[in-house]
Protein backbone atom coordinates (compact mmCIF):
# COMPACT_ATOMS: atom_id res chain seq x y z
CA MET A 1 117.77 9.15 31.45
CA THR A 2 121.44 8.51 32.41
CA THR A 3 123.20 6.84 30.55
CA PRO A 4 124.94 3.13 32.27
CA THR A 5 128.75 3.70 32.70
CA TRP A 6 131.27 1.63 34.88
CA THR A 7 134.87 2.69 34.56
CA ASN A 8 136.32 -0.76 35.24
CA ALA A 9 134.62 -3.66 35.03
CA ASP A 10 137.08 -5.43 37.60
CA ASP A 11 135.38 -2.98 40.08
CA VAL A 12 131.82 -4.04 39.40
CA PRO A 13 130.72 -6.03 42.60
CA LEU A 14 129.00 -9.65 41.53
CA ASP A 15 126.06 -11.11 43.10
CA ASP A 16 126.58 -15.05 43.68
CA TRP A 17 124.46 -16.92 41.26
CA GLY A 18 124.98 -20.26 42.72
CA LEU A 19 126.24 -23.58 40.90
CA SER A 20 125.06 -24.28 37.58
CA PRO A 21 122.04 -26.25 37.37
CA THR A 22 123.47 -27.93 33.91
CA ALA A 23 126.97 -28.83 35.25
CA THR A 24 128.20 -32.15 34.04
CA ALA A 25 131.63 -31.90 35.67
CA GLY A 26 132.81 -30.20 38.59
CA ALA A 27 131.02 -27.68 40.57
CA PRO A 28 131.11 -24.44 38.47
CA ARG A 29 129.76 -21.44 40.44
CA MET A 30 128.30 -18.39 38.51
CA SER A 31 128.13 -15.11 39.68
CA GLY A 32 127.28 -11.54 37.83
CA LYS A 33 125.43 -8.36 37.98
CA ILE A 34 122.67 -7.24 35.59
CA LEU A 35 123.85 -3.44 34.98
CA SER A 36 120.84 -2.42 32.31
CA ALA A 37 117.58 -4.08 31.18
CA ASN A 38 114.98 -2.89 29.39
CA ALA A 39 111.71 -2.71 31.31
CA ASP A 40 110.02 -5.08 28.68
CA GLY A 41 112.70 -7.78 29.28
CA SER A 42 113.78 -7.59 25.66
CA SER A 43 117.39 -7.01 26.20
CA GLU A 44 119.67 -7.01 29.14
CA CYS A 45 123.49 -6.57 29.64
CA GLY A 46 125.96 -7.31 32.41
CA ILE A 47 129.07 -9.08 33.74
CA TRP A 48 129.03 -12.72 33.95
CA SER A 49 131.60 -14.78 35.61
CA CYS A 50 132.00 -18.43 36.32
CA THR A 51 134.61 -20.79 38.35
CA PRO A 52 136.11 -23.86 36.74
CA GLY A 53 133.97 -26.87 35.32
CA THR A 54 131.89 -28.33 32.52
CA ARG A 55 128.31 -27.62 31.55
CA LYS A 56 125.75 -27.87 29.09
CA VAL A 57 124.47 -24.47 27.66
CA THR A 58 121.59 -23.23 25.47
CA ILE A 59 121.52 -20.13 24.44
CA ALA A 60 118.05 -18.35 24.94
CA SER A 61 118.35 -15.07 22.83
CA ASP A 62 121.20 -13.19 20.89
CA GLU A 63 124.07 -12.82 23.20
CA PHE A 64 127.41 -10.61 22.20
CA CYS A 65 130.26 -11.19 24.74
CA VAL A 66 133.74 -9.67 25.32
CA PHE A 67 135.53 -12.04 27.75
CA LEU A 68 137.33 -9.98 30.26
CA GLY A 69 139.55 -13.02 32.05
CA GLY A 70 140.17 -16.70 32.55
CA ARG A 71 140.00 -19.36 29.64
CA GLY A 72 137.73 -21.85 28.23
CA LEU A 73 136.06 -23.69 25.38
CA TYR A 74 132.80 -23.55 23.87
CA ILE A 75 131.56 -26.59 21.96
CA HIS A 76 128.69 -26.46 19.62
CA GLU A 77 126.57 -29.63 19.48
CA SER A 78 127.66 -29.72 15.52
CA GLY A 79 131.53 -30.15 17.08
CA GLU A 80 132.48 -26.55 16.34
CA GLU A 81 134.85 -25.24 18.93
CA ILE A 82 135.03 -21.77 20.45
CA ALA A 83 138.28 -21.03 22.53
CA VAL A 84 137.85 -18.17 24.70
CA ALA A 85 140.47 -16.06 26.59
CA LYS A 86 140.72 -12.43 27.66
CA GLY A 87 140.07 -10.50 24.54
CA SER A 88 137.94 -12.93 23.13
CA ILE A 89 134.58 -11.54 21.05
CA VAL A 90 131.99 -14.09 20.19
CA PHE A 91 128.42 -13.68 19.01
CA PHE A 92 125.98 -16.78 20.26
CA PRO A 93 122.91 -16.47 18.14
CA ALA A 94 119.73 -17.66 19.85
CA GLY A 95 119.36 -21.12 20.26
CA TRP A 96 123.05 -21.96 20.30
CA THR A 97 123.29 -25.21 22.11
CA GLY A 98 126.44 -26.77 23.34
CA THR A 99 129.12 -27.57 26.16
CA SER A 100 131.27 -24.75 28.18
CA ILE A 101 134.36 -26.39 29.65
CA ILE A 102 136.23 -23.42 31.77
CA THR A 103 139.64 -24.43 32.63
CA GLU A 104 140.14 -20.97 34.55
CA ALA A 105 137.52 -18.59 36.10
CA LEU A 106 136.13 -16.86 33.00
CA SER A 107 134.13 -13.90 32.92
CA LYS A 108 132.51 -11.64 30.16
CA ALA A 109 130.84 -8.47 29.27
CA PHE A 110 127.44 -9.21 27.77
CA MET A 111 124.72 -8.15 25.91
CA SER A 112 121.68 -10.11 25.09
CA ARG A 113 118.38 -9.29 23.03
């Protein structure tokens, strides 16, 4: 087995994943690349990016994120606010539900399981 390795996240070409179907303001457009995934679908890692806008978010499975650039705010349905920018590290537990407000094109490396 070869270990998946990328020297620079900025050099990974992203695929257009389209407009967010849960947008509530603006027209946030997502792109990304799944870099590795278990064959049984139990986990995956990749890079994700989204243009400015507001959208509803429900995290289906535990997700660990390292934000690579941009700025935004995640607001949990309880009212908790999580500001993110380059260098932010966040763990979203499965079932996390709230709103994502992206003010500057946001990108992250993620691992979900």
